[in-house]
Amino acid sequence: MIIDAHVHLWKTQNGLADGRPVKPLPGGRADFGGEIRQMVPPYLLNGENTAEILLSNMDFAGVNAAVVTQEQIDGSQDQYLRGMEEKFGGRLKVSSLYLEGKPVNLEGFSGLKICAGRLRDQNLMHHEAAFEQTAGEGKFLLIDLAEGNAQTKELRTLAEKYPHLRIAVGHFGMAGRGDWLSQVRLAELPNVRIESGGITWLYNDEFWPYRSAVQAFRTAISVAGAEKLMWGSDYPRTMTAITYRMSQDFLRESPELSDHEKALILGENAKKFYGFREMEPIQRIRHMAED
């Protein structure tokens, strides 16, 4: 099984970037807080980033299942995402977006996403009620921390207080930026994992096959163990630079990781952590550039 631990979906972007609106434009572009950015690949013409297109990409790349996270820059997609797990036969686990100062409603979702680095009040202890509720409902919590160790002490405190709350730290701890290993060390706790969504963005200047990103995996393995790490693509934003298949192949084809480590990182860890059912590998389909 191959499982992507970090993908995004939206019907219509309606979020904020540094307090300014993010609005979709034709050709996969967006008004990103006043700057025109290529938000998604240009063939996504109407600004929609749907589950059907994701699943088509997953089938082509041999990915069995995925975890749908959310982002404040996209705005809450709860209305679009609620009920999607059942609709697609258990191939997706979906999170609700935490909105500061508003009630948390996890009905129809498997977890909660907190964009901790974008909170107005970045003291995680002031958001403990969301952790307590998510733990009480037996759901998982996805969290993207501010760079370095700004929030790691608070997250460690909360993870220890709610030991049955499954917590996945996103963006591979913001690998390569500041004291990123302080985030990886949180996986010393039995209920915390680290997922790599966005790592190809963090090492975009180097580009494929992202050897420094692979070395970040090797370093994280030495700190937390391969059984605590999960692959994530950060689909579809990273697909403006690479294909979906390339987002996993830099790990799959690397000689720096053992077959056992690859199997854990690319699927086995996420299957256990998120509770995906067993699925048969997806048959690889040759593409037209292959002999």
Foldseek 3Di string as FASTA:
>chain_A
DFEAAEEEFAAFFFAADVRATWGDDAQCWICHRNDIDNQFHRVVGPRGGDPVVVVVLCLQLFHQAYEYAYDRNRPWRCVVCQQVCVVVPNRYAYEGEDDPPDDDDQHRHQYYEYALQPDPDNACVVVLVRLVVCLVVQHEYEYEHHAECPHLVNVLVSCVVRVSHAYEYEQQQLPPTYNSVSVLLSLLRVRYAYENACPCVSVVVVDPPPVVSVVSVVVSCVRRNLLRYAYHHHPPRCVNPPRPSSSLVSPVVDPVDDPVSSCNHRDPSCCVNSVGDDDDGNDHDDDPVDD
